[in-house]
Amino acid sequence: MNLKNQLLLITALSCTLFSCNNVNEKQAESEHLKKTTLTGTYKLLESKTIKGKDTVTAFTDTSKTEMFKMFNEDHFSFFNHDKEKGKGKEPHFLAGGGTYSFDGKKYQERLQYCSLRDWEGNKFDFELEFKGDTLIQRGEENLPELGVKHTIVETYLKVK
């Protein structure tokens, strides 16, 4: 092997090693973000559903229901139920979970399990914003086969 080929080989190996390190660093940074910012249990404070340009309606009445959302390194779950333990005028229970990805701002849920079974197997893209212990989740839920197309804005407080 001549000197020119040796230099090309060394350069190619260096570039390969550098690019692998860069990918590993990005993965490590993503995992660090999940562990330091997202991992934990959050209580829903406020939720809005926006349909079209002008319609804003409360999605969850926190005086009547209670919702928690939990994250570990790669899974999320949520639980929402009425405060009258199913014995009031409007019994309510909703739960679900699955895997997610998060890059520090963009967040995608892959809903594997849901008490609304027609929602299972769908992906939902959101943006997350942190303000101290407050988490704000914004994004569109779009399921044309179910007639669902709206934007949600949910505000959570980290409790653990």
C-alpha atoms as a PDB file:
ATOM      1  CA  MET A   1       0.000   0.000   0.000  1.00  0.00           C
ATOM      2  CA  ASN A   2       1.486   3.342  -1.000  1.00  0.00           C
ATOM      3  CA  LEU A   3       1.606   6.465   1.168  1.00  0.00           C
ATOM      4  CA  LYS A   4      -1.362   8.092  -0.617  1.00  0.00           C
ATOM      5  CA  ASN A   5      -3.615   5.066   0.067  1.00  0.00           C
ATOM      6  CA  GLN A   6      -2.412   4.899   3.687  1.00  0.00           C
ATOM      7  CA  LEU A   7      -3.323   8.572   4.204  1.00  0.00           C
ATOM      8  CA  LEU A   8      -6.755   8.012   2.623  1.00  0.00           C
ATOM      9  CA  LEU A   9      -7.351   5.011   4.875  1.00  0.00           C
ATOM     10  CA  ILE A  10      -6.316   6.922   8.008  1.00  0.00           C
ATOM     11  CA  THR A  11      -8.536   9.867   7.020  1.00  0.00           C
ATOM     12  CA  ALA A  12     -11.519   7.591   6.345  1.00  0.00           C
ATOM     13  CA  LEU A  13     -11.100   5.799   9.674  1.00  0.00           C
ATOM     14  CA  SER A  14     -10.800   9.095  11.535  1.00  0.00           C
ATOM     15  CA  CYS A  15     -13.986  10.412   9.913  1.00  0.00           C
ATOM     16  CA  THR A  16     -15.829   7.190  10.718  1.00  0.00           C
ATOM     17  CA  LEU A  17     -14.756   7.266  14.347  1.00  0.00           C
ATOM     18  CA  PHE A  18     -15.660  10.949  14.674  1.00  0.00           C
ATOM     19  CA  SER A  19     -19.126  10.461  13.167  1.00  0.00           C
ATOM     20  CA  CYS A  20     -19.816   7.448  15.428  1.00  0.00           C
ATOM     21  CA  ASN A  21     -18.784   9.474  18.467  1.00  0.00           C
ATOM     22  CA  ASN A  22     -21.058  12.308  17.344  1.00  0.00           C
ATOM     23  CA  VAL A  23     -24.053   9.930  17.027  1.00  0.00           C
ATOM     24  CA  ASN A  24     -23.287   8.396  20.424  1.00  0.00           C
ATOM     25  CA  GLU A  25     -22.994  11.865  21.968  1.00  0.00           C
ATOM     26  CA  LYS A  26     -26.402  12.872  20.546  1.00  0.00           C
ATOM     27  CA  GLN A  27     -27.998   9.676  21.879  1.00  0.00           C
ATOM     28  CA  ALA A  28     -26.388  10.237  25.280  1.00  0.00           C
ATOM     29  CA  GLU A  29     -27.592  13.846  25.291  1.00  0.00           C
ATOM     30  CA  SER A  30     -31.146  12.727  24.442  1.00  0.00           C
ATOM     31  CA  GLU A  31     -31.104  10.142  27.242  1.00  0.00           C
ATOM     32  CA  HIS A  32     -29.752  12.767  29.668  1.00  0.00           C
ATOM     33  CA  LEU A  33     -32.581  15.155  28.707  1.00  0.00           C
ATOM     34  CA  LYS A  34     -35.171  12.465  29.372  1.00  0.00           C
ATOM     35  CA  LYS A  35     -33.702  11.586  32.753  1.00  0.00           C
ATOM     36  CA  THR A  36     -33.146  15.148  33.962  1.00  0.00           C
ATOM     37  CA  THR A  37     -36.212  16.913  32.607  1.00  0.00           C
ATOM     38  CA  LEU A  38     -38.997  14.538  31.605  1.00  0.00           C
ATOM     39  CA  THR A  39     -38.769  11.439  33.794  1.00  0.00           C
ATOM     40  CA  GLY A  40     -41.268  11.625  36.641  1.00  0.00           C
ATOM     41  CA  THR A  41     -44.933  11.961  37.566  1.00  0.00           C
ATOM     42  CA  TYR A  42     -47.026  14.959  36.553  1.00  0.00           C
ATOM     43  CA  LYS A  43     -50.497  16.094  37.624  1.00  0.00           C
ATOM     44  CA  LEU A  44     -52.737  17.797  35.075  1.00  0.00           C
ATOM     45  CA  LEU A  45     -53.539  21.402  36.022  1.00  0.00           C
ATOM     46  CA  GLU A  46     -55.312  22.568  32.881  1.00  0.00           C
ATOM     47  CA  SER A  47     -56.285  21.138  29.526  1.00  0.00           C
ATOM     48  CA  LYS A  48     -57.714  22.785  26.421  1.00  0.00           C
ATOM     49  CA  THR A  49     -58.880  21.428  23.093  1.00  0.00           C
ATOM     50  CA  ILE A  50     -58.814  23.824  20.142  1.00  0.00           C
ATOM     51  CA  LYS A  51     -60.952  23.009  17.111  1.00  0.00           C
ATOM     52  CA  GLY A  52     -60.560  25.273  14.118  1.00  0.00           C
ATOM     53  CA  LYS A  53     -59.482  28.873  14.617  1.00  0.00           C
ATOM     54  CA  ASP A  54     -61.919  30.125  17.217  1.00  0.00           C
ATOM     55  CA  THR A  55     -63.218  27.215  19.246  1.00  0.00           C
ATOM     56  CA  VAL A  56     -61.494  26.639  22.555  1.00  0.00           C
ATOM     57  CA  THR A  57     -63.112  24.252  24.998  1.00  0.00           C
ATOM     58  CA  ALA A  58     -62.027  22.757  28.292  1.00  0.00           C
ATOM     59  CA  PHE A  59     -61.148  19.119  27.701  1.00  0.00           C
ATOM     60  CA  THR A  60     -60.674  18.098  31.305  1.00  0.00           C
ATOM     61  CA  ASP A  61     -62.513  19.691  34.191  1.00  0.00           C
ATOM     62  CA  THR A  62     -59.982  19.366  37.012  1.00  0.00           C
ATOM     63  CA  SER A  63     -62.660  20.132  39.597  1.00  0.00           C
ATOM     64  CA  LYS A  64     -64.413  16.887  38.631  1.00  0.00           C
ATOM     65  CA  THR A  65     -61.576  14.705  37.367  1.00  0.00           C
ATOM     66  CA  GLU A  66     -57.959  14.030  38.186  1.00  0.00           C
ATOM     67  CA  MET A  67     -55.247  13.089  35.704  1.00  0.00           C
ATOM     68  CA  PHE A  68     -51.647  11.979  36.071  1.00  0.00           C
ATOM     69  CA  LYS A  69     -49.050  11.365  33.387  1.00  0.00           C
ATOM     70  CA  MET A  70     -45.859   9.413  34.067  1.00  0.00           C
ATOM     71  CA  PHE A  71     -42.606   9.042  32.148  1.00  0.00           C
ATOM     72  CA  ASN A  72     -39.639   6.746  32.573  1.00  0.00           C
ATOM     73  CA  GLU A  73     -36.691   6.568  30.170  1.00  0.00           C
ATOM     74  CA  ASP A  74     -38.721   5.253  27.215  1.00  0.00           C
ATOM     75  CA  HIS A  75     -42.381   4.765  28.209  1.00  0.00           C
ATOM     76  CA  PHE A  76     -45.250   7.023  29.217  1.00  0.00           C
ATOM     77  CA  SER A  77     -48.624   6.339  30.780  1.00  0.00           C
ATOM     78  CA  PHE A  78     -51.638   8.412  31.746  1.00  0.00           C
ATOM     79  CA  PHE A  79     -54.616   7.899  34.020  1.00  0.00           C
ATOM     80  CA  ASN A  80     -57.693  10.099  34.233  1.00  0.00           C
ATOM     81  CA  HIS A  81     -60.703   9.394  36.435  1.00  0.00           C
ATOM     82  CA  ASP A  82     -63.590  11.172  38.093  1.00  0.00           C
ATOM     83  CA  LYS A  83     -63.201  12.198  41.717  1.00  0.00           C
ATOM     84  CA  GLU A  84     -66.443  10.469  42.740  1.00  0.00           C
ATOM     85  CA  LYS A  85     -64.974   6.989  42.153  1.00  0.00           C
ATOM     86  CA  GLY A  86     -67.391   6.233  39.322  1.00  0.00           C
ATOM     87  CA  LYS A  87     -70.466   6.744  41.491  1.00  0.00           C
ATOM     88  CA  GLY A  88     -71.419  10.262  40.359  1.00  0.00           C
ATOM     89  CA  LYS A  89     -73.563  11.503  37.491  1.00  0.00           C
ATOM     90  CA  GLU A  90     -70.697  11.299  35.000  1.00  0.00           C
ATOM     91  CA  PRO A  91     -68.476   8.275  35.736  1.00  0.00           C
ATOM     92  CA  HIS A  92     -65.179   8.572  33.913  1.00  0.00           C
ATOM     93  CA  PHE A  93     -62.016   6.533  33.496  1.00  0.00           C
ATOM     94  CA  LEU A  94     -59.413   6.874  30.759  1.00  0.00           C
ATOM     95  CA  ALA A  95     -55.953   5.314  30.678  1.00  0.00           C
ATOM     96  CA  GLY A  96     -53.248   4.583  28.184  1.00  0.00           C
ATOM     97  CA  GLY A  97     -49.574   4.242  27.581  1.00  0.00           C
ATOM     98  CA  GLY A  98     -46.817   3.353  25.188  1.00  0.00           C
ATOM     99  CA  THR A  99     -43.362   4.380  24.084  1.00  0.00           C
ATOM    100  CA  TYR A 100     -42.119   7.851  23.287  1.00  0.00           C
ATOM    101  CA  SER A 101     -39.217   9.785  21.842  1.00  0.00           C
ATOM    102  CA  PHE A 102     -38.080  13.199  23.039  1.00  0.00           C
ATOM    103  CA  ASP A 103     -35.272  15.446  21.805  1.00  0.00           C
ATOM    104  CA  GLY A 104     -35.614  18.298  24.288  1.00  0.00           C
ATOM    105  CA  LYS A 105     -38.544  19.966  22.515  1.00  0.00           C
ATOM    106  CA  LYS A 106     -40.179  17.577  20.042  1.00  0.00           C
ATOM    107  CA  TYR A 107     -42.019  14.712  21.674  1.00  0.00           C
ATOM    108  CA  GLN A 108     -43.758  11.784  19.980  1.00  0.00           C
ATOM    109  CA  GLU A 109     -46.109   9.356  21.697  1.00  0.00           C
ATOM    110  CA  ARG A 110     -46.660   5.918  20.219  1.00  0.00           C
ATOM    111  CA  LEU A 111     -49.882   4.852  21.909  1.00  0.00           C
ATOM    112  CA  GLN A 112     -49.818   1.086  22.419  1.00  0.00           C
ATOM    113  CA  TYR A 113     -52.573   0.727  25.017  1.00  0.00           C
ATOM    114  CA  CYS A 114     -55.663   2.849  25.587  1.00  0.00           C
ATOM    115  CA  SER A 115     -59.073   2.400  27.150  1.00  0.00           C
ATOM    116  CA  LEU A 116     -60.338   4.094  23.950  1.00  0.00           C
ATOM    117  CA  ARG A 117     -59.241   1.084  21.932  1.00  0.00           C
ATOM    118  CA  ASP A 118     -59.618   2.763  18.507  1.00  0.00           C
ATOM    119  CA  TRP A 119     -56.806   5.153  19.493  1.00  0.00           C
ATOM    120  CA  GLU A 120     -54.271   2.331  19.953  1.00  0.00           C
ATOM    121  CA  GLY A 121     -51.467   2.000  17.428  1.00  0.00           C
ATOM    122  CA  ASN A 122     -51.356   5.720  16.582  1.00  0.00           C
ATOM    123  CA  LYS A 123     -48.534   8.243  16.827  1.00  0.00           C
ATOM    124  CA  PHE A 124     -48.992  11.760  18.131  1.00  0.00           C
ATOM    125  CA  ASP A 125     -46.478  14.583  17.691  1.00  0.00           C
ATOM    126  CA  PHE A 126     -46.214  17.306  20.295  1.00  0.00           C
ATOM    127  CA  GLU A 127     -43.885  20.005  21.538  1.00  0.00           C
ATOM    128  CA  LEU A 128     -42.968  20.118  25.200  1.00  0.00           C
ATOM    129  CA  GLU A 129     -41.999  23.241  27.101  1.00  0.00           C
ATOM    130  CA  PHE A 130     -40.650  23.320  30.639  1.00  0.00           C
ATOM    131  CA  LYS A 131     -41.065  26.237  33.021  1.00  0.00           C
ATOM    132  CA  GLY A 132     -39.557  25.123  36.326  1.00  0.00           C
ATOM    133  CA  ASP A 133     -41.711  22.205  37.551  1.00  0.00           C
ATOM    134  CA  THR A 134     -44.407  22.968  34.966  1.00  0.00           C
ATOM    135  CA  LEU A 135     -44.679  20.975  31.745  1.00  0.00           C
ATOM    136  CA  ILE A 136     -46.717  22.328  28.818  1.00  0.00           C
ATOM    137  CA  GLN A 137     -47.621  19.868  26.046  1.00  0.00           C
ATOM    138  CA  ARG A 138     -48.959  21.206  22.731  1.00  0.00           C
ATOM    139  CA  GLY A 139     -49.845  19.381  19.555  1.00  0.00           C
ATOM    140  CA  GLU A 140     -52.401  17.943  17.218  1.00  0.00           C
ATOM    141  CA  GLU A 141     -54.420  14.799  17.642  1.00  0.00           C
ATOM    142  CA  ASN A 142     -55.455  13.794  14.126  1.00  0.00           C
ATOM    143  CA  LEU A 143     -57.423  10.575  13.638  1.00  0.00           C
ATOM    144  CA  PRO A 144     -59.541  11.085  10.500  1.00  0.00           C
ATOM    145  CA  GLU A 145     -61.112   7.635  10.762  1.00  0.00           C
ATOM    146  CA  LEU A 146     -62.560   8.674  14.141  1.00  0.00           C
ATOM    147  CA  GLY A 147     -63.447  12.241  13.139  1.00  0.00           C
ATOM    148  CA  VAL A 148     -60.791  13.619  15.508  1.00  0.00           C
ATOM    149  CA  LYS A 149     -58.742  16.649  14.478  1.00  0.00           C
ATOM    150  CA  HIS A 150     -57.907  19.164  17.145  1.00  0.00           C
ATOM    151  CA  THR A 151     -55.013  20.775  18.962  1.00  0.00           C
ATOM    152  CA  ILE A 152     -54.490  20.107  22.640  1.00  0.00           C
ATOM    153  CA  VAL A 153     -52.666  22.228  25.176  1.00  0.00           C
ATOM    154  CA  GLU A 154     -52.095  20.472  28.496  1.00  0.00           C
ATOM    155  CA  THR A 155     -50.360  21.975  31.514  1.00  0.00           C
ATOM    156  CA  TYR A 156     -48.902  19.658  34.152  1.00  0.00           C
ATOM    157  CA  LEU A 157     -47.111  20.132  37.466  1.00  0.00           C
ATOM    158  CA  LYS A 158     -44.305  17.724  38.299  1.00  0.00           C
ATOM    159  CA  VAL A 159     -45.148  16.005  41.592  1.00  0.00           C
ATOM    160  CA  LYS A 160     -42.291  13.494  41.744  1.00  0.00           C
END
